[in-house]
N, C-alpha and C. Protein backbone atom coordinates (compact mmCIF):
# COMPACT_ATOMS: atom_id res chain seq x y z
N MET A 1 82.08 102.89 142.15
CA MET A 1 82.69 103.87 142.92
C MET A 1 81.66 104.11 143.88
N ALA A 2 82.42 104.32 145.24
CA ALA A 2 81.86 104.44 146.56
C ALA A 2 82.56 105.85 147.10
N VAL A 3 81.24 106.66 147.65
CA VAL A 3 81.05 107.94 148.31
C VAL A 3 81.04 107.52 149.60
N VAL A 4 82.07 107.75 150.58
CA VAL A 4 82.38 107.79 151.94
C VAL A 4 82.35 109.09 152.60
N THR A 5 81.45 109.36 153.57
CA THR A 5 81.55 110.69 154.62
C THR A 5 81.50 110.63 155.81
N GLY A 6 82.21 111.74 156.48
CA GLY A 6 82.05 111.57 157.83
C GLY A 6 81.76 112.98 158.46
N PRO A 7 81.75 112.99 159.73
CA PRO A 7 81.46 114.67 160.37
C PRO A 7 83.11 115.08 160.18
N GLN A 8 82.92 116.33 159.75
CA GLN A 8 84.13 117.46 159.58
C GLN A 8 85.06 116.73 158.31
N ALA A 9 84.73 115.75 158.04
CA ALA A 9 85.94 115.03 156.67
C ALA A 9 85.07 115.40 155.30
N PRO A 10 86.47 115.45 154.51
CA PRO A 10 85.62 115.50 153.26
C PRO A 10 85.42 114.41 153.12
N ALA A 11 84.41 114.46 151.65
CA ALA A 11 83.68 113.29 150.79
C ALA A 11 85.12 112.54 150.49
N LEU A 12 84.75 111.41 150.88
CA LEU A 12 85.78 110.43 149.83
C LEU A 12 85.13 109.44 148.62
N ILE A 13 85.71 109.53 147.95
CA ILE A 13 84.99 109.00 146.81
C ILE A 13 86.56 107.70 146.32
N ARG A 14 85.71 106.54 146.11
CA ARG A 14 86.78 105.53 145.41
C ARG A 14 86.35 105.36 144.20
N SER A 15 87.52 105.38 143.37
CA SER A 15 87.01 105.12 141.93
C SER A 15 88.05 103.97 140.94
N LYS A 16 87.70 103.12 139.93
CA LYS A 16 88.20 102.32 138.80
C LYS A 16 88.51 103.10 137.95
N VAL A 17 90.04 103.84 137.52
CA VAL A 17 90.31 104.58 136.62
C VAL A 17 91.03 103.62 135.91
N VAL A 18 91.01 102.94 134.42
CA VAL A 18 91.48 102.10 133.49
C VAL A 18 92.45 103.10 132.37
N LEU A 19 93.45 102.54 132.07
CA LEU A 19 94.04 103.13 131.02
C LEU A 19 94.43 101.97 130.25
N LEU A 20 93.69 102.39 128.69
CA LEU A 20 93.82 101.42 127.87
C LEU A 20 94.58 101.92 126.60
N GLY A 21 95.05 101.30 125.87
CA GLY A 21 95.83 101.98 124.46
C GLY A 21 96.36 100.78 123.84
N ALA A 22 97.21 100.65 122.81
CA ALA A 22 98.13 99.65 122.08
C ALA A 22 99.36 99.56 123.01
N PRO A 23 100.25 98.31 122.68
CA PRO A 23 101.31 98.30 123.40
C PRO A 23 102.46 99.53 123.30
N GLY A 24 103.20 100.04 124.04
CA GLY A 24 104.17 100.82 124.02
C GLY A 24 103.79 102.38 123.99
N VAL A 25 102.19 103.02 123.97
CA VAL A 25 102.06 104.06 124.34
C VAL A 25 102.56 105.08 125.50
N GLY A 26 102.67 104.28 126.31
CA GLY A 26 103.17 104.84 127.73
C GLY A 26 102.29 104.74 129.10
N LYS A 27 101.32 104.00 129.01
CA LYS A 27 100.27 104.00 130.16
C LYS A 27 100.97 103.39 131.27
N THR A 28 101.71 102.74 131.37
CA THR A 28 102.61 102.75 132.67
C THR A 28 103.83 103.28 133.04
N SER A 29 104.05 104.35 131.99
CA SER A 29 105.08 105.42 132.26
C SER A 29 104.07 106.58 132.70
N LEU A 30 102.97 106.60 132.25
CA LEU A 30 102.12 107.84 132.99
C LEU A 30 101.87 107.68 134.14
N ILE A 31 101.18 106.47 134.32
CA ILE A 31 100.73 105.87 135.87
C ILE A 31 102.26 106.33 136.80
N ARG A 32 103.47 105.54 136.36
CA ARG A 32 104.46 106.01 137.22
C ARG A 32 104.94 107.33 137.44
N ARG A 33 104.71 108.45 136.71
CA ARG A 33 104.83 109.58 136.28
C ARG A 33 103.97 110.12 137.65
N PHE A 34 102.43 109.90 137.44
CA PHE A 34 101.47 110.43 138.28
C PHE A 34 101.81 109.75 139.74
N VAL A 35 102.13 108.85 140.17
CA VAL A 35 101.80 108.24 141.35
C VAL A 35 103.17 108.28 142.09
N HIS A 36 104.53 108.14 141.28
CA HIS A 36 105.66 108.20 142.17
C HIS A 36 106.94 109.32 141.63
N GLN A 37 106.44 109.88 140.54
CA GLN A 37 107.01 111.23 140.11
C GLN A 37 108.42 110.77 139.44
N THR A 38 108.24 109.66 139.08
CA THR A 38 109.50 109.25 138.19
C THR A 38 109.46 108.89 136.75
N PHE A 39 110.20 108.72 136.13
CA PHE A 39 110.20 108.05 134.48
C PHE A 39 111.44 107.00 134.68
N SER A 40 111.21 106.03 133.93
CA SER A 40 112.33 104.75 133.44
C SER A 40 112.40 104.89 131.80
N GLU A 41 113.55 104.93 131.31
CA GLU A 41 113.65 104.44 129.87
C GLU A 41 113.67 103.08 129.66
N GLU A 42 113.59 102.38 130.46
CA GLU A 42 113.53 101.01 130.59
C GLU A 42 111.89 100.52 130.23
N HIS A 43 111.93 100.05 129.13
CA HIS A 43 110.21 99.52 128.78
C HIS A 43 109.88 98.24 129.04
N LEU A 44 109.17 98.09 130.27
CA LEU A 44 108.62 96.68 130.43
C LEU A 44 107.09 96.68 130.20
N THR A 45 106.82 95.42 129.29
CA THR A 45 105.57 95.41 129.03
C THR A 45 104.78 94.84 130.31
N THR A 46 103.40 95.48 130.27
CA THR A 46 102.67 94.89 131.20
C THR A 46 101.79 93.69 130.94
N LEU A 47 102.05 92.77 131.60
CA LEU A 47 101.37 91.38 131.41
C LEU A 47 99.74 91.39 132.37
N GLY A 48 98.86 91.44 131.71
CA GLY A 48 97.27 91.78 132.22
C GLY A 48 97.07 92.71 133.04
N VAL A 49 97.10 92.87 134.23
CA VAL A 49 96.88 94.14 134.93
C VAL A 49 97.82 94.27 136.01
N LYS A 50 97.90 95.52 136.30
CA LYS A 50 98.78 96.24 137.35
C LYS A 50 97.91 97.47 138.21
N VAL A 51 97.54 97.11 139.31
CA VAL A 51 97.14 98.37 139.89
C VAL A 51 97.99 99.40 140.71
N ASP A 52 97.90 100.40 140.90
CA ASP A 52 98.19 101.32 141.67
C ASP A 52 97.14 102.20 142.04
N ARG A 53 97.48 102.79 143.22
CA ARG A 53 96.67 104.03 144.09
C ARG A 53 96.98 105.21 144.17
N LYS A 54 96.37 106.56 143.71
CA LYS A 54 96.64 107.73 144.40
C LYS A 54 95.44 108.39 144.65
N THR A 55 95.62 108.97 145.97
CA THR A 55 94.47 110.32 146.13
C THR A 55 94.53 111.44 145.66
N VAL A 56 93.47 112.06 145.03
CA VAL A 56 93.49 113.17 144.36
C VAL A 56 92.77 114.29 145.48
N SER A 57 93.15 115.16 146.12
CA SER A 57 92.60 116.09 146.98
C SER A 57 92.03 117.28 146.27
N LEU A 58 90.78 117.35 146.46
CA LEU A 58 89.71 118.55 145.74
C LEU A 58 89.10 119.19 146.77
N PRO A 59 88.60 120.48 146.24
CA PRO A 59 87.70 120.93 147.65
C PRO A 59 86.61 120.21 147.97
N GLY A 60 86.86 120.02 149.05
CA GLY A 60 85.38 119.08 149.99
C GLY A 60 85.23 117.74 149.63
N VAL A 61 86.32 117.16 148.89
CA VAL A 61 86.72 115.88 148.32
C VAL A 61 88.06 115.37 148.22
N ASN A 62 87.89 113.98 148.53
CA ASN A 62 89.21 113.42 148.31
C ASN A 62 88.81 112.33 147.56
N VAL A 63 89.61 112.06 146.34
CA VAL A 63 89.19 111.09 145.22
C VAL A 63 90.21 109.71 145.42
N VAL A 64 89.99 108.84 145.50
CA VAL A 64 91.21 107.71 145.73
C VAL A 64 91.13 107.19 144.30
N MET A 65 91.92 107.36 143.42
CA MET A 65 91.82 106.53 142.09
C MET A 65 92.84 104.78 142.27
N LEU A 66 91.81 103.95 142.10
CA LEU A 66 92.76 102.87 141.63
C LEU A 66 92.75 102.92 140.27
N LEU A 67 94.10 102.96 139.98
CA LEU A 67 94.73 103.00 138.42
C LEU A 67 95.10 101.69 137.89
N TRP A 68 94.11 101.12 136.93
CA TRP A 68 94.34 99.75 136.28
C TRP A 68 94.96 100.18 135.10
N ASP A 69 96.48 99.61 134.90
CA ASP A 69 97.69 99.84 134.24
C ASP A 69 97.08 98.31 133.15
N MET A 70 96.14 98.46 132.01
CA MET A 70 96.13 97.52 131.70
C MET A 70 97.25 97.30 130.20
N HIS A 71 97.52 95.50 130.19
CA HIS A 71 98.28 95.29 128.85
C HIS A 71 98.16 95.84 127.79
N GLY A 72 99.15 96.11 126.91
CA GLY A 72 98.61 96.91 125.79
C GLY A 72 97.88 95.86 124.89
N GLU A 73 96.95 96.65 123.96
CA GLU A 73 95.85 95.86 123.11
C GLU A 73 96.17 96.41 121.72
N THR A 74 96.46 95.19 120.70
CA THR A 74 96.14 95.30 119.32
C THR A 74 94.75 95.12 118.99
N VAL A 75 94.54 95.54 117.99
CA VAL A 75 92.95 95.05 117.40
C VAL A 75 92.61 94.05 117.66
N ASP A 76 93.35 93.04 117.46
CA ASP A 76 93.02 91.71 117.52
C ASP A 76 92.73 91.19 118.79
N LEU A 77 93.60 91.64 119.88
CA LEU A 77 93.28 91.07 121.36
C LEU A 77 91.91 92.05 122.01
N GLU A 78 91.39 90.93 122.93
CA GLU A 78 90.47 91.65 123.93
C GLU A 78 90.84 91.81 125.11
N VAL A 79 90.35 92.67 125.66
CA VAL A 79 90.92 93.06 127.03
C VAL A 79 89.42 92.25 127.90
N PRO A 80 89.76 91.36 128.98
CA PRO A 80 88.78 90.85 129.81
C PRO A 80 87.76 91.71 130.30
N ALA A 81 86.50 91.05 130.04
CA ALA A 81 85.36 92.00 130.35
C ALA A 81 85.46 92.44 132.20
N ALA A 82 85.99 91.55 132.89
CA ALA A 82 85.84 91.94 134.13
C ALA A 82 86.96 92.95 134.63
N TYR A 83 87.96 93.20 133.46
CA TYR A 83 88.85 94.27 133.77
C TYR A 83 88.04 95.62 133.50
N LEU A 84 87.30 95.69 132.66
CA LEU A 84 86.58 96.99 132.21
C LEU A 84 85.35 97.34 133.41
N ARG A 85 84.45 96.51 133.72
CA ARG A 85 83.31 96.70 134.51
C ARG A 85 83.53 97.32 135.50
N GLY A 86 82.58 98.20 135.99
CA GLY A 86 82.79 99.09 137.09
C GLY A 86 83.80 100.19 137.09
N SER A 87 84.35 100.56 135.74
CA SER A 87 85.09 101.66 135.68
C SER A 87 84.26 103.12 135.72
N ALA A 88 84.90 104.14 136.29
CA ALA A 88 84.52 105.39 136.63
C ALA A 88 85.13 106.17 135.59
N ALA A 89 86.18 105.90 135.14
CA ALA A 89 87.09 106.32 134.21
C ALA A 89 87.53 105.87 133.23
N VAL A 90 87.92 106.30 132.12
CA VAL A 90 89.25 105.53 131.27
C VAL A 90 89.81 106.98 130.31
N LEU A 91 91.26 106.31 130.44
CA LEU A 91 92.27 107.30 129.83
C LEU A 91 92.62 106.43 128.52
N LEU A 92 91.96 106.63 127.24
CA LEU A 92 92.29 106.05 126.44
C LEU A 92 93.71 106.75 125.54
N VAL A 93 94.94 106.24 125.60
CA VAL A 93 96.39 106.56 125.48
C VAL A 93 96.59 106.18 124.41
N ALA A 94 97.00 107.36 123.43
CA ALA A 94 97.67 106.81 121.94
C ALA A 94 98.95 107.47 122.38
N ASP A 95 99.88 106.93 121.25
CA ASP A 95 101.16 107.65 121.28
C ASP A 95 101.00 108.66 120.14
N ALA A 96 101.49 109.88 120.24
CA ALA A 96 100.97 110.81 119.56
C ALA A 96 102.47 111.14 118.28
N SER A 97 103.41 110.04 118.55
CA SER A 97 104.46 109.85 117.47
C SER A 97 104.10 109.09 116.39
N ARG A 98 103.14 108.40 116.87
CA ARG A 98 102.69 107.29 115.53
C ARG A 98 101.23 106.86 115.95
N LEU A 99 100.65 108.07 115.53
CA LEU A 99 98.86 107.99 115.93
C LEU A 99 98.38 106.85 114.84
N ASP A 100 99.23 106.93 113.70
CA ASP A 100 98.38 106.05 112.45
C ASP A 100 98.35 104.65 113.04
N GLN A 101 98.91 104.21 114.02
CA GLN A 101 99.10 103.12 114.64
C GLN A 101 98.65 102.93 116.18
N THR A 102 98.54 103.70 116.81
CA THR A 102 98.17 103.29 118.10
C THR A 102 96.10 103.82 118.53
N LEU A 103 96.14 104.77 117.31
CA LEU A 103 94.46 105.06 117.46
C LEU A 103 93.43 104.30 117.53
N ALA A 104 93.48 103.38 116.07
CA ALA A 104 92.53 102.69 116.10
C ALA A 104 92.11 101.54 117.20
N PRO A 105 93.27 100.96 118.35
CA PRO A 105 93.11 99.92 119.29
C PRO A 105 92.17 100.89 120.26
N CYS A 106 92.72 102.06 120.59
CA CYS A 106 91.69 102.83 121.46
C CYS A 106 90.12 103.26 120.99
N GLN A 107 90.02 103.34 119.74
CA GLN A 107 88.85 103.42 119.34
C GLN A 107 88.07 101.61 119.54
N ILE A 108 88.56 100.72 119.33
CA ILE A 108 87.67 99.79 119.39
C ILE A 108 87.38 99.40 120.75
N LEU A 109 88.65 99.72 121.61
CA LEU A 109 88.78 99.49 123.18
C LEU A 109 87.36 100.29 123.81
N LEU A 110 87.42 101.61 123.18
CA LEU A 110 86.24 102.36 123.64
C LEU A 110 85.08 101.94 123.90
N GLU A 111 84.81 101.16 122.47
CA GLU A 111 83.54 100.59 122.32
C GLU A 111 83.46 99.39 123.30
N ARG A 112 84.15 98.63 123.51
CA ARG A 112 84.08 97.56 124.70
C ARG A 112 83.90 98.02 125.93
N LEU A 113 84.42 99.16 126.29
CA LEU A 113 84.82 99.42 127.53
C LEU A 113 83.43 100.19 127.96
N LEU A 114 82.68 101.00 126.89
CA LEU A 114 81.05 101.76 126.76
C LEU A 114 80.07 100.63 127.01
N SER A 115 80.49 99.35 126.74
CA SER A 115 79.44 98.44 126.54
C SER A 115 79.30 97.80 128.27
N MET A 116 80.69 98.02 128.78
CA MET A 116 80.63 97.25 130.11
C MET A 116 80.35 98.58 131.27
N SER A 117 80.75 99.24 131.22
CA SER A 117 80.63 100.86 131.78
C SER A 117 80.15 101.97 131.05
N PRO A 118 78.94 102.12 130.73
CA PRO A 118 78.37 102.87 129.71
C PRO A 118 78.22 104.31 130.19
N ASN A 119 78.68 104.75 131.87
CA ASN A 119 78.53 105.98 132.49
C ASN A 119 80.03 106.17 132.56
N ALA A 120 81.27 105.46 132.31
CA ALA A 120 82.30 106.03 132.64
C ALA A 120 82.63 107.20 131.53
N ALA A 121 83.30 108.15 132.70
CA ALA A 121 84.17 109.25 131.85
C ALA A 121 85.00 108.68 131.10
N VAL A 122 85.43 109.63 129.86
CA VAL A 122 86.43 109.25 128.98
C VAL A 122 87.48 110.50 128.82
N GLN A 123 88.67 110.12 128.74
CA GLN A 123 89.45 111.01 128.29
C GLN A 123 90.47 110.78 127.48
N TRP A 124 90.69 111.25 126.20
CA TRP A 124 91.44 111.15 124.93
C TRP A 124 92.88 111.65 125.48
N VAL A 125 94.26 110.63 125.54
CA VAL A 125 95.57 111.14 125.84
C VAL A 125 96.48 110.85 124.94
N MET A 126 97.02 112.21 124.49
CA MET A 126 98.00 111.57 123.22
C MET A 126 99.50 112.17 124.14
N ASN A 127 99.99 111.15 124.10
CA ASN A 127 101.25 110.68 125.35
C ASN A 127 102.39 111.01 124.28
N LYS A 128 103.74 111.35 124.82
CA LYS A 128 104.68 111.27 124.13
C LYS A 128 105.09 112.87 123.54
N ALA A 129 104.31 113.40 123.60
CA ALA A 129 104.08 114.79 123.36
C ALA A 129 105.28 115.47 123.04
N ASP A 130 106.56 115.26 123.98
CA ASP A 130 107.75 115.77 123.70
C ASP A 130 108.22 115.39 122.54
N LEU A 131 107.73 114.51 121.78
CA LEU A 131 108.85 113.91 120.29
C LEU A 131 107.85 114.63 119.24
N ILE A 132 106.75 115.25 119.30
CA ILE A 132 106.11 116.10 117.98
C ILE A 132 106.33 117.49 118.46
N GLN A 133 106.91 118.01 117.04
CA GLN A 133 107.33 119.54 117.04
C GLN A 133 106.01 120.34 116.51
N ASP A 134 105.69 119.44 115.15
CA ASP A 134 104.27 119.90 114.35
C ASP A 134 103.06 118.94 114.72
N TRP A 135 101.92 119.84 115.15
CA TRP A 135 101.06 118.83 115.78
C TRP A 135 99.87 118.94 114.37
N GLU A 136 100.25 119.57 113.12
CA GLU A 136 99.18 119.48 112.28
C GLU A 136 98.80 117.85 111.60
N PRO A 137 99.90 117.02 111.25
CA PRO A 137 99.83 115.82 110.92
C PRO A 137 98.94 115.10 112.20
N ALA A 138 99.30 114.98 113.26
CA ALA A 138 98.49 114.41 114.30
C ALA A 138 96.80 114.92 114.38
N ALA A 139 96.69 116.40 114.59
CA ALA A 139 95.45 117.18 113.88
C ALA A 139 94.40 116.27 112.94
N ALA A 140 95.27 116.01 111.72
CA ALA A 140 94.58 115.51 110.84
C ALA A 140 94.17 113.99 111.12
N ILE A 141 95.20 113.24 111.51
CA ILE A 141 94.57 111.73 111.64
C ILE A 141 93.50 112.15 112.67
N LEU A 142 93.36 112.70 114.23
CA LEU A 142 92.19 112.68 115.01
C LEU A 142 91.26 113.16 114.27
N ASP A 143 91.37 114.11 113.48
CA ASP A 143 89.77 114.64 112.68
C ASP A 143 89.41 113.58 111.68
N ALA A 144 90.38 112.97 110.96
CA ALA A 144 89.76 111.93 110.20
C ALA A 144 89.04 110.67 110.93
N ALA A 145 89.71 110.57 112.11
CA ALA A 145 89.08 109.67 113.04
C ALA A 145 87.87 109.88 113.89
N GLY A 146 87.42 111.60 113.76
CA GLY A 146 85.98 111.91 114.24
C GLY A 146 86.72 112.26 115.95
N ILE A 147 87.95 112.42 116.08
CA ILE A 147 88.18 113.21 117.53
C ILE A 147 88.72 114.57 117.20
N ASP A 148 88.04 115.43 118.32
CA ASP A 148 88.70 116.52 118.13
C ASP A 148 89.65 116.80 119.16
N ILE A 149 90.82 117.33 118.30
CA ILE A 149 92.27 117.41 118.79
C ILE A 149 92.07 118.52 120.20
N GLY A 150 91.22 119.48 120.27
CA GLY A 150 90.95 120.07 121.99
C GLY A 150 90.09 119.73 122.91
N ALA A 151 89.80 118.18 122.70
CA ALA A 151 89.34 117.21 123.60
C ALA A 151 90.33 116.32 124.46
N THR A 152 91.33 116.35 123.45
CA THR A 152 92.69 115.64 123.67
C THR A 152 93.35 115.84 125.05
N VAL A 153 94.11 115.36 125.79
CA VAL A 153 95.30 115.88 126.63
C VAL A 153 96.65 115.58 125.94
N LYS A 154 97.83 116.50 125.67
CA LYS A 154 98.90 116.40 125.48
C LYS A 154 99.94 116.09 126.45
N THR A 155 100.39 114.80 126.57
CA THR A 155 101.07 114.61 127.72
C THR A 155 102.49 114.17 127.27
N SER A 156 103.29 113.90 128.20
CA SER A 156 104.63 113.52 128.29
C SER A 156 104.93 112.62 129.59
N ALA A 157 105.20 111.55 129.71
CA ALA A 157 105.58 110.85 130.92
C ALA A 157 107.04 111.13 131.11
N LEU A 158 107.77 111.51 130.13
CA LEU A 158 109.19 111.72 130.29
C LEU A 158 109.30 112.66 130.83
N ASP A 159 108.78 114.12 130.76
CA ASP A 159 109.09 115.20 131.11
C ASP A 159 108.17 115.81 132.27
N GLY A 160 106.88 115.01 132.25
CA GLY A 160 106.05 115.42 132.93
C GLY A 160 104.53 116.41 132.82
N ARG A 161 104.91 116.31 131.44
CA ARG A 161 103.91 117.50 130.95
C ARG A 161 102.62 117.21 130.66
N GLY A 162 101.59 117.82 131.28
CA GLY A 162 100.31 117.44 131.51
C GLY A 162 99.45 116.35 132.27
N VAL A 163 100.85 115.64 132.56
CA VAL A 163 100.34 114.46 133.53
C VAL A 163 99.60 114.84 134.72
N GLU A 164 99.69 115.90 135.41
CA GLU A 164 99.11 115.93 136.75
C GLU A 164 97.52 116.24 136.31
N ASP A 165 97.91 117.08 135.01
CA ASP A 165 96.80 117.85 134.73
C ASP A 165 95.43 116.66 134.10
N VAL A 166 95.96 115.79 133.55
CA VAL A 166 95.09 114.96 133.01
C VAL A 166 94.25 114.03 134.09
N PHE A 167 95.24 113.49 135.20
CA PHE A 167 94.49 112.86 136.23
C PHE A 167 93.70 113.94 137.02
N SER A 168 94.14 114.80 137.63
CA SER A 168 93.48 115.89 138.26
C SER A 168 92.11 116.01 137.53
N SER A 169 92.06 116.20 136.12
CA SER A 169 90.81 116.59 135.34
C SER A 169 89.85 115.52 135.43
N VAL A 170 90.53 113.92 135.19
CA VAL A 170 89.71 112.66 135.62
C VAL A 170 89.20 112.81 136.96
N ALA A 171 89.37 113.49 137.64
CA ALA A 171 89.17 113.20 139.19
C ALA A 171 88.24 114.05 139.65
N SER A 172 88.17 115.34 138.92
CA SER A 172 87.06 116.34 139.12
C SER A 172 85.74 115.77 138.51
N SER A 173 86.21 115.34 137.34
CA SER A 173 84.88 114.39 136.33
C SER A 173 84.34 113.41 137.20
N ILE A 174 85.18 112.69 138.00
CA ILE A 174 84.65 111.75 138.79
C ILE A 174 83.84 112.11 140.38
N ALA A 175 84.33 112.98 140.53
CA ALA A 175 83.78 113.68 141.82
C ALA A 175 82.60 114.67 141.23
N GLY A 176 82.52 115.19 139.93
CA GLY A 176 81.27 116.02 139.84
C GLY A 176 80.29 115.00 139.56
N ARG A 177 80.78 113.60 138.80
CA ARG A 177 79.29 112.59 138.68
C ARG A 177 79.05 111.94 139.57
N ALA A 178 79.88 111.89 141.05
CA ALA A 178 79.61 111.26 142.12
C ALA A 178 78.58 112.14 142.88
N THR A 179 78.82 113.68 142.96
CA THR A 179 77.95 114.39 143.44
C THR A 179 76.61 114.50 142.89
N ALA A 180 76.66 114.95 141.65
CA ALA A 180 75.46 114.48 140.75
C ALA A 180 74.33 113.95 140.88
N GLY A 181 75.17 112.49 141.37
CA GLY A 181 74.55 111.24 141.36
C GLY A 181 73.71 110.88 142.99
N SER A 182 74.21 111.57 143.74
CA SER A 182 74.22 111.41 145.35
C SER A 182 72.68 112.32 145.16
């Protein structure tokens, strides 16, 4: 993360934001919705990593987010350490409609991430919220995993619900950490 300032210009913070989760949870779709305001029904598996960029303007600071869209991970696979190193923030993305299958990989990936970037801001994201009518079963699964449902953000890449909010919140967290560290 780099903070760049100039006369009369808002501060500029460049940061690496990594999206982690099991295959098919919608990491690519979330980035596509946030960066390009689009959604595609076509499911394309990410191979390796794809990096997008978007600037979020906050009062007095612009946060340039380098969004690392990681290939989907299962419990048995490993994200290369170089992909995680230097992350300012991570979005742990689970599929709200199949939390029982997509939550465990996030928890394992979180442990790996924090060993590489211990100061990274962490945000839990329950994507595909448009598919859920009753959140009680999801809340029970999150509670059993020790995750406060109130600390998670419900998103839908399909209809855009919560997408801007989660990325803006992460940008604010990055800005707050950068100014506190200055």
